[in-house]
Amino acid sequence: MAENELKISEMQLAQLLNDDDIFPIVQNGTNKAINVGLLKELISNSKVIKERLDILENINAGSTITIPVKYKVGADCLDVFLNGEYLSKCTTYDDAATGHYSEVGETDSISNQIKLTSDWKLEVGDYLDFTVRGVWE
């Protein structure tokens, strides 16, 4: 941890933060901002679930697929790996120039689907690993 970083658990006045306040975080090496309410929710719901999906038939590029775990859309709680390689989430929905997959559903809804971009297909023998932070029902 860098000298100027602070753990939330060490914040003396954390209770004075409002749920709508913005808090800086680093996720997968990228600087991001998160509102305090969502951060509290993620911390209180900190169970990590890992699931694998073996691809048993070819899946066309651009397809929506059902995954074996639920996640909260837009909460940055889902990580996807194809054959062990990290896939980035599109920053613009279904835009291959900005990522490899999109989350399916309205922001803050619970989903068990992702949409592959038009340049990614899955073939028999591929596998997807999913890491979800939190339990979402």
N, C-alpha and C. Protein backbone atom coordinates (compact mmCIF):
# COMPACT_ATOMS: atom_id res chain seq x y z
N MET A 1 0.85 -1.17 0.00
CA MET A 1 0.00 0.00 0.00
C MET A 1 0.90 1.23 0.00
N ALA A 2 0.58 2.19 -0.83
CA ALA A 2 1.37 3.42 -0.94
C ALA A 2 1.26 4.25 0.33
N GLU A 3 2.27 5.07 0.54
CA GLU A 3 2.35 5.89 1.75
C GLU A 3 1.13 6.78 1.95
N ASN A 4 0.57 7.31 0.87
CA ASN A 4 -0.55 8.25 1.00
C ASN A 4 -1.92 7.58 0.89
N GLU A 5 -1.96 6.25 0.84
CA GLU A 5 -3.24 5.54 0.78
C GLU A 5 -3.75 5.26 2.18
N LEU A 6 -5.05 5.15 2.32
CA LEU A 6 -5.67 4.96 3.62
C LEU A 6 -6.68 3.83 3.53
N LYS A 7 -6.60 2.91 4.47
CA LYS A 7 -7.60 1.84 4.53
C LYS A 7 -8.88 2.41 5.14
N ILE A 8 -10.01 1.96 4.61
CA ILE A 8 -11.30 2.43 5.14
C ILE A 8 -11.39 2.12 6.63
N SER A 9 -10.89 0.94 7.03
CA SER A 9 -10.96 0.54 8.43
C SER A 9 -10.17 1.48 9.35
N GLU A 10 -9.23 2.26 8.77
CA GLU A 10 -8.43 3.19 9.57
C GLU A 10 -9.00 4.60 9.56
N MET A 11 -10.08 4.83 8.85
CA MET A 11 -10.66 6.17 8.78
C MET A 11 -11.37 6.48 10.10
N GLN A 12 -10.93 7.53 10.77
CA GLN A 12 -11.50 7.90 12.06
C GLN A 12 -12.92 8.44 11.92
N LEU A 13 -13.21 9.14 10.82
CA LEU A 13 -14.50 9.80 10.66
C LEU A 13 -15.33 9.17 9.55
N ALA A 14 -15.14 7.88 9.29
CA ALA A 14 -15.86 7.22 8.20
C ALA A 14 -17.37 7.33 8.37
N GLN A 15 -17.85 7.37 9.59
CA GLN A 15 -19.28 7.46 9.83
C GLN A 15 -19.86 8.80 9.37
N LEU A 16 -19.01 9.80 9.10
CA LEU A 16 -19.49 11.10 8.66
C LEU A 16 -19.67 11.17 7.15
N LEU A 17 -19.28 10.13 6.44
CA LEU A 17 -19.45 10.11 4.99
C LEU A 17 -20.91 9.84 4.65
N ASN A 18 -21.42 10.51 3.65
CA ASN A 18 -22.77 10.27 3.16
C ASN A 18 -22.71 9.21 2.07
N ASP A 19 -23.79 8.48 1.89
CA ASP A 19 -23.83 7.42 0.89
C ASP A 19 -23.60 7.94 -0.53
N ASP A 20 -23.90 9.19 -0.80
CA ASP A 20 -23.73 9.76 -2.13
C ASP A 20 -22.34 10.36 -2.36
N ASP A 21 -21.52 10.45 -1.30
CA ASP A 21 -20.16 10.96 -1.46
C ASP A 21 -19.36 10.01 -2.36
N ILE A 22 -18.41 10.57 -3.10
CA ILE A 22 -17.58 9.79 -4.01
C ILE A 22 -16.26 9.49 -3.32
N PHE A 23 -15.80 8.25 -3.47
CA PHE A 23 -14.58 7.79 -2.84
C PHE A 23 -13.68 7.19 -3.91
N PRO A 24 -12.39 7.57 -3.96
CA PRO A 24 -11.49 7.01 -4.98
C PRO A 24 -11.04 5.60 -4.59
N ILE A 25 -10.98 4.70 -5.58
CA ILE A 25 -10.48 3.34 -5.35
C ILE A 25 -9.58 2.96 -6.53
N VAL A 26 -8.83 1.88 -6.34
CA VAL A 26 -8.05 1.29 -7.43
C VAL A 26 -8.54 -0.14 -7.60
N GLN A 27 -8.99 -0.47 -8.81
CA GLN A 27 -9.48 -1.82 -9.09
C GLN A 27 -8.74 -2.34 -10.31
N ASN A 28 -8.11 -3.50 -10.16
CA ASN A 28 -7.33 -4.11 -11.24
C ASN A 28 -6.34 -3.11 -11.83
N GLY A 29 -5.72 -2.29 -10.98
CA GLY A 29 -4.72 -1.34 -11.42
C GLY A 29 -5.27 -0.08 -12.05
N THR A 30 -6.58 0.09 -12.07
CA THR A 30 -7.20 1.26 -12.69
C THR A 30 -7.82 2.15 -11.62
N ASN A 31 -7.53 3.44 -11.70
CA ASN A 31 -8.16 4.39 -10.78
C ASN A 31 -9.62 4.54 -11.14
N LYS A 32 -10.48 4.45 -10.12
CA LYS A 32 -11.92 4.58 -10.33
C LYS A 32 -12.50 5.38 -9.17
N ALA A 33 -13.73 5.76 -9.32
CA ALA A 33 -14.46 6.42 -8.23
C ALA A 33 -15.72 5.63 -7.97
N ILE A 34 -16.08 5.53 -6.71
CA ILE A 34 -17.27 4.77 -6.33
C ILE A 34 -18.01 5.58 -5.27
N ASN A 35 -19.34 5.51 -5.29
CA ASN A 35 -20.04 6.24 -4.23
C ASN A 35 -19.97 5.42 -2.94
N VAL A 36 -19.99 6.12 -1.83
CA VAL A 36 -19.80 5.49 -0.53
C VAL A 36 -20.87 4.44 -0.24
N GLY A 37 -22.11 4.69 -0.66
CA GLY A 37 -23.18 3.72 -0.43
C GLY A 37 -22.88 2.38 -1.08
N LEU A 38 -22.43 2.41 -2.34
CA LEU A 38 -22.09 1.17 -3.03
C LEU A 38 -20.87 0.52 -2.40
N LEU A 39 -19.89 1.32 -1.99
CA LEU A 39 -18.70 0.78 -1.34
C LEU A 39 -19.07 0.05 -0.05
N LYS A 40 -19.96 0.67 0.75
CA LYS A 40 -20.43 0.02 1.99
C LYS A 40 -21.13 -1.31 1.67
N GLU A 41 -21.95 -1.30 0.63
CA GLU A 41 -22.68 -2.51 0.23
C GLU A 41 -21.70 -3.61 -0.18
N LEU A 42 -20.70 -3.24 -0.96
CA LEU A 42 -19.72 -4.24 -1.40
C LEU A 42 -18.91 -4.79 -0.24
N ILE A 43 -18.54 -3.93 0.70
CA ILE A 43 -17.76 -4.39 1.85
C ILE A 43 -18.61 -5.29 2.74
N SER A 44 -19.85 -4.93 2.98
CA SER A 44 -20.72 -5.74 3.83
C SER A 44 -21.13 -7.03 3.14
N ASN A 45 -21.02 -7.07 1.84
CA ASN A 45 -21.41 -8.24 1.05
C ASN A 45 -20.14 -8.80 0.39
N SER A 46 -19.10 -9.06 1.21
CA SER A 46 -17.76 -9.30 0.69
C SER A 46 -17.44 -10.75 0.36
N LYS A 47 -18.40 -11.63 0.34
CA LYS A 47 -18.13 -13.01 -0.04
C LYS A 47 -17.73 -13.06 -1.52
N VAL A 48 -16.74 -13.87 -1.82
CA VAL A 48 -16.27 -14.03 -3.20
C VAL A 48 -16.70 -15.41 -3.70
N ILE A 49 -17.35 -15.42 -4.86
CA ILE A 49 -17.82 -16.67 -5.47
C ILE A 49 -17.06 -16.87 -6.78
N LYS A 50 -16.57 -18.09 -6.98
CA LYS A 50 -15.88 -18.43 -8.23
C LYS A 50 -16.59 -19.60 -8.87
N GLU A 51 -16.87 -19.46 -10.15
CA GLU A 51 -17.56 -20.51 -10.91
C GLU A 51 -16.88 -20.66 -12.27
N ARG A 52 -17.02 -21.84 -12.86
CA ARG A 52 -16.48 -22.11 -14.19
C ARG A 52 -17.61 -22.57 -15.10
N LEU A 53 -17.52 -22.16 -16.35
CA LEU A 53 -18.45 -22.60 -17.38
C LEU A 53 -17.64 -23.23 -18.51
N ASP A 54 -17.76 -24.54 -18.67
CA ASP A 54 -17.10 -25.24 -19.78
C ASP A 54 -17.95 -25.08 -21.03
N ILE A 55 -17.32 -24.73 -22.13
CA ILE A 55 -18.03 -24.54 -23.39
C ILE A 55 -18.12 -25.88 -24.11
N LEU A 56 -19.33 -26.39 -24.24
CA LEU A 56 -19.56 -27.72 -24.80
C LEU A 56 -20.05 -27.67 -26.24
N GLU A 57 -20.38 -26.47 -26.72
CA GLU A 57 -20.75 -26.28 -28.13
C GLU A 57 -20.31 -24.88 -28.54
N ASN A 58 -20.04 -24.69 -29.80
CA ASN A 58 -19.59 -23.39 -30.28
C ASN A 58 -20.66 -22.33 -30.01
N ILE A 59 -20.21 -21.14 -29.62
CA ILE A 59 -21.10 -20.02 -29.35
C ILE A 59 -20.67 -18.87 -30.25
N ASN A 60 -21.61 -18.37 -31.04
CA ASN A 60 -21.32 -17.31 -32.01
C ASN A 60 -20.91 -16.01 -31.34
N ALA A 61 -20.05 -15.26 -32.03
CA ALA A 61 -19.69 -13.92 -31.58
C ALA A 61 -20.96 -13.08 -31.45
N GLY A 62 -20.98 -12.22 -30.46
CA GLY A 62 -22.13 -11.34 -30.26
C GLY A 62 -23.27 -11.99 -29.48
N SER A 63 -23.10 -13.25 -29.06
CA SER A 63 -24.17 -13.96 -28.35
C SER A 63 -24.28 -13.51 -26.89
N THR A 64 -25.49 -13.62 -26.37
CA THR A 64 -25.72 -13.46 -24.94
C THR A 64 -25.69 -14.83 -24.33
N ILE A 65 -24.92 -15.00 -23.25
CA ILE A 65 -24.82 -16.31 -22.61
C ILE A 65 -25.23 -16.22 -21.15
N THR A 66 -25.82 -17.29 -20.68
CA THR A 66 -26.20 -17.39 -19.27
C THR A 66 -25.01 -17.97 -18.52
N ILE A 67 -24.64 -17.33 -17.43
CA ILE A 67 -23.49 -17.76 -16.64
C ILE A 67 -23.96 -18.40 -15.34
N PRO A 68 -23.10 -19.18 -14.69
CA PRO A 68 -23.54 -19.95 -13.51
C PRO A 68 -23.56 -19.18 -12.19
N VAL A 69 -23.54 -17.86 -12.25
CA VAL A 69 -23.55 -17.07 -11.03
C VAL A 69 -24.24 -15.73 -11.30
N LYS A 70 -24.86 -15.17 -10.26
CA LYS A 70 -25.53 -13.88 -10.39
C LYS A 70 -24.61 -12.76 -9.91
N TYR A 71 -24.79 -11.58 -10.51
CA TYR A 71 -24.00 -10.41 -10.14
C TYR A 71 -24.89 -9.18 -10.24
N LYS A 72 -24.43 -8.07 -9.68
CA LYS A 72 -25.17 -6.81 -9.74
C LYS A 72 -24.60 -5.98 -10.89
N VAL A 73 -25.44 -5.68 -11.87
CA VAL A 73 -25.02 -4.95 -13.06
C VAL A 73 -24.51 -3.55 -12.67
N GLY A 74 -23.33 -3.22 -13.18
CA GLY A 74 -22.76 -1.91 -12.95
C GLY A 74 -22.02 -1.74 -11.63
N ALA A 75 -21.96 -2.78 -10.82
CA ALA A 75 -21.33 -2.68 -9.50
C ALA A 75 -19.84 -3.03 -9.53
N ASP A 76 -19.30 -3.33 -10.70
CA ASP A 76 -17.90 -3.75 -10.83
C ASP A 76 -17.56 -4.89 -9.87
N CYS A 77 -18.48 -5.85 -9.79
CA CYS A 77 -18.27 -6.99 -8.91
C CYS A 77 -18.01 -8.27 -9.69
N LEU A 78 -17.99 -8.22 -11.02
CA LEU A 78 -17.82 -9.40 -11.87
C LEU A 78 -16.49 -9.33 -12.62
N ASP A 79 -15.70 -10.39 -12.52
CA ASP A 79 -14.51 -10.56 -13.35
C ASP A 79 -14.71 -11.80 -14.20
N VAL A 80 -14.33 -11.72 -15.48
CA VAL A 80 -14.51 -12.82 -16.42
C VAL A 80 -13.15 -13.17 -17.03
N PHE A 81 -12.87 -14.47 -17.12
CA PHE A 81 -11.62 -14.97 -17.69
C PHE A 81 -11.96 -16.02 -18.74
N LEU A 82 -11.33 -15.94 -19.91
CA LEU A 82 -11.48 -16.92 -20.98
C LEU A 82 -10.19 -17.72 -21.06
N ASN A 83 -10.28 -19.01 -20.79
CA ASN A 83 -9.11 -19.89 -20.82
C ASN A 83 -7.96 -19.30 -19.99
N GLY A 84 -8.31 -18.69 -18.86
CA GLY A 84 -7.32 -18.14 -17.94
C GLY A 84 -6.93 -16.70 -18.21
N GLU A 85 -7.36 -16.11 -19.31
CA GLU A 85 -7.02 -14.73 -19.65
C GLU A 85 -8.15 -13.78 -19.25
N TYR A 86 -7.78 -12.70 -18.57
CA TYR A 86 -8.75 -11.72 -18.11
C TYR A 86 -9.42 -11.03 -19.30
N LEU A 87 -10.75 -10.94 -19.27
CA LEU A 87 -11.51 -10.21 -20.28
C LEU A 87 -11.99 -8.90 -19.67
N SER A 88 -11.82 -7.83 -20.40
CA SER A 88 -12.28 -6.54 -19.88
C SER A 88 -13.73 -6.31 -20.27
N LYS A 89 -14.46 -5.69 -19.35
CA LYS A 89 -15.85 -5.32 -19.60
C LYS A 89 -15.88 -4.10 -20.51
N CYS A 90 -16.77 -4.09 -21.46
CA CYS A 90 -16.91 -2.93 -22.36
C CYS A 90 -17.27 -1.69 -21.55
N THR A 91 -16.62 -0.60 -21.86
CA THR A 91 -16.98 0.66 -21.21
C THR A 91 -18.17 1.31 -21.91
N THR A 92 -18.40 0.93 -23.16
CA THR A 92 -19.58 1.31 -23.91
C THR A 92 -20.27 0.01 -24.31
N TYR A 93 -21.58 -0.11 -24.02
CA TYR A 93 -22.28 -1.38 -24.22
C TYR A 93 -22.03 -1.96 -25.61
N ASP A 94 -21.60 -3.22 -25.65
CA ASP A 94 -21.43 -4.00 -26.87
C ASP A 94 -20.49 -3.33 -27.89
N ASP A 95 -19.49 -2.63 -27.39
CA ASP A 95 -18.53 -1.96 -28.27
C ASP A 95 -17.19 -2.67 -28.14
N ALA A 96 -16.84 -3.49 -29.15
CA ALA A 96 -15.62 -4.29 -29.12
C ALA A 96 -14.37 -3.44 -28.96
N ALA A 97 -14.44 -2.18 -29.35
CA ALA A 97 -13.27 -1.31 -29.21
C ALA A 97 -13.00 -0.96 -27.75
N THR A 98 -13.98 -1.19 -26.87
CA THR A 98 -13.82 -0.81 -25.46
C THR A 98 -13.78 -2.00 -24.51
N GLY A 99 -13.86 -3.23 -25.01
CA GLY A 99 -13.81 -4.39 -24.13
C GLY A 99 -14.19 -5.67 -24.84
N HIS A 100 -14.36 -6.73 -24.05
CA HIS A 100 -14.62 -8.06 -24.60
C HIS A 100 -16.05 -8.56 -24.39
N TYR A 101 -16.73 -8.02 -23.38
CA TYR A 101 -18.10 -8.45 -23.07
C TYR A 101 -18.83 -7.29 -22.42
N SER A 102 -20.15 -7.39 -22.41
CA SER A 102 -20.99 -6.40 -21.72
C SER A 102 -21.85 -7.12 -20.69
N GLU A 103 -22.14 -6.42 -19.59
CA GLU A 103 -23.09 -6.94 -18.63
C GLU A 103 -24.49 -6.74 -19.21
N VAL A 104 -25.38 -7.68 -18.92
CA VAL A 104 -26.74 -7.64 -19.47
C VAL A 104 -27.71 -7.27 -18.35
N GLY A 105 -28.45 -6.19 -18.55
CA GLY A 105 -29.45 -5.76 -17.57
C GLY A 105 -29.28 -4.28 -17.26
N GLU A 106 -30.27 -3.74 -16.58
CA GLU A 106 -30.23 -2.34 -16.17
C GLU A 106 -29.27 -2.19 -14.99
N THR A 107 -28.64 -1.04 -14.89
CA THR A 107 -27.74 -0.76 -13.77
C THR A 107 -28.47 -1.03 -12.45
N ASP A 108 -27.78 -1.69 -11.54
CA ASP A 108 -28.26 -2.07 -10.20
C ASP A 108 -29.22 -3.26 -10.21
N SER A 109 -29.52 -3.82 -11.39
CA SER A 109 -30.35 -5.04 -11.41
C SER A 109 -29.43 -6.25 -11.20
N ILE A 110 -30.03 -7.38 -10.89
CA ILE A 110 -29.28 -8.63 -10.71
C ILE A 110 -29.39 -9.43 -12.00
N SER A 111 -28.25 -9.94 -12.47
CA SER A 111 -28.22 -10.64 -13.75
C SER A 111 -27.37 -11.90 -13.65
N ASN A 112 -27.62 -12.81 -14.56
CA ASN A 112 -26.77 -13.99 -14.72
C ASN A 112 -26.43 -14.16 -16.21
N GLN A 113 -26.32 -13.05 -16.92
CA GLN A 113 -25.99 -13.10 -18.34
C GLN A 113 -24.92 -12.07 -18.67
N ILE A 114 -24.11 -12.41 -19.69
CA ILE A 114 -23.20 -11.46 -20.29
C ILE A 114 -23.36 -11.56 -21.80
N LYS A 115 -22.97 -10.51 -22.51
CA LYS A 115 -23.06 -10.50 -23.97
C LYS A 115 -21.65 -10.38 -24.52
N LEU A 116 -21.28 -11.34 -25.37
CA LEU A 116 -19.98 -11.28 -26.04
C LEU A 116 -20.02 -10.19 -27.09
N THR A 117 -18.90 -9.54 -27.33
CA THR A 117 -18.86 -8.55 -28.40
C THR A 117 -18.83 -9.28 -29.75
N SER A 118 -19.04 -8.54 -30.80
CA SER A 118 -19.18 -9.12 -32.14
C SER A 118 -17.88 -9.73 -32.67
N ASP A 119 -16.77 -9.51 -31.99
CA ASP A 119 -15.51 -10.10 -32.45
C ASP A 119 -15.01 -11.25 -31.57
N TRP A 120 -15.83 -11.67 -30.58
CA TRP A 120 -15.44 -12.77 -29.70
C TRP A 120 -16.43 -13.92 -29.83
N LYS A 121 -15.94 -15.10 -30.17
CA LYS A 121 -16.77 -16.30 -30.18
C LYS A 121 -16.14 -17.29 -29.23
N LEU A 122 -16.91 -18.28 -28.84
CA LEU A 122 -16.42 -19.34 -27.96
C LEU A 122 -16.50 -20.66 -28.72
N GLU A 123 -15.48 -21.50 -28.51
CA GLU A 123 -15.43 -22.78 -29.20
C GLU A 123 -15.40 -23.91 -28.19
N VAL A 124 -15.83 -25.09 -28.64
CA VAL A 124 -15.79 -26.28 -27.80
C VAL A 124 -14.39 -26.42 -27.22
N GLY A 125 -14.31 -26.65 -25.92
CA GLY A 125 -13.03 -26.79 -25.24
C GLY A 125 -12.62 -25.52 -24.51
N ASP A 126 -13.19 -24.36 -24.89
CA ASP A 126 -12.94 -23.13 -24.14
C ASP A 126 -13.61 -23.24 -22.78
N TYR A 127 -13.19 -22.40 -21.86
CA TYR A 127 -13.88 -22.32 -20.57
C TYR A 127 -13.83 -20.88 -20.08
N LEU A 128 -14.87 -20.50 -19.37
CA LEU A 128 -14.95 -19.18 -18.76
C LEU A 128 -14.92 -19.35 -17.25
N ASP A 129 -14.09 -18.59 -16.60
CA ASP A 129 -14.08 -18.52 -15.14
C ASP A 129 -14.66 -17.18 -14.72
N PHE A 130 -15.47 -17.21 -13.68
CA PHE A 130 -16.12 -16.01 -13.19
C PHE A 130 -15.78 -15.83 -11.72
N THR A 131 -15.46 -14.61 -11.34
CA THR A 131 -15.28 -14.24 -9.96
C THR A 131 -16.28 -13.14 -9.68
N VAL A 132 -17.12 -13.36 -8.67
CA VAL A 132 -18.12 -12.36 -8.28
C VAL A 132 -17.88 -12.01 -6.82
N ARG A 133 -17.76 -10.71 -6.58
CA ARG A 133 -17.62 -10.24 -5.21
C ARG A 133 -19.01 -9.89 -4.69
N GLY A 134 -19.45 -10.65 -3.70
CA GLY A 134 -20.77 -10.45 -3.13
C GLY A 134 -21.73 -11.56 -3.51
N VAL A 135 -22.81 -11.65 -2.78
CA VAL A 135 -23.87 -12.62 -3.06
C VAL A 135 -25.08 -11.81 -3.52
N TRP A 136 -25.50 -12.06 -4.74
CA TRP A 136 -26.57 -11.26 -5.34
C TRP A 136 -27.74 -12.17 -5.70
N GLU A 137 -28.90 -11.84 -5.18
CA GLU A 137 -30.11 -12.64 -5.43
C GLU A 137 -31.19 -11.78 -6.06
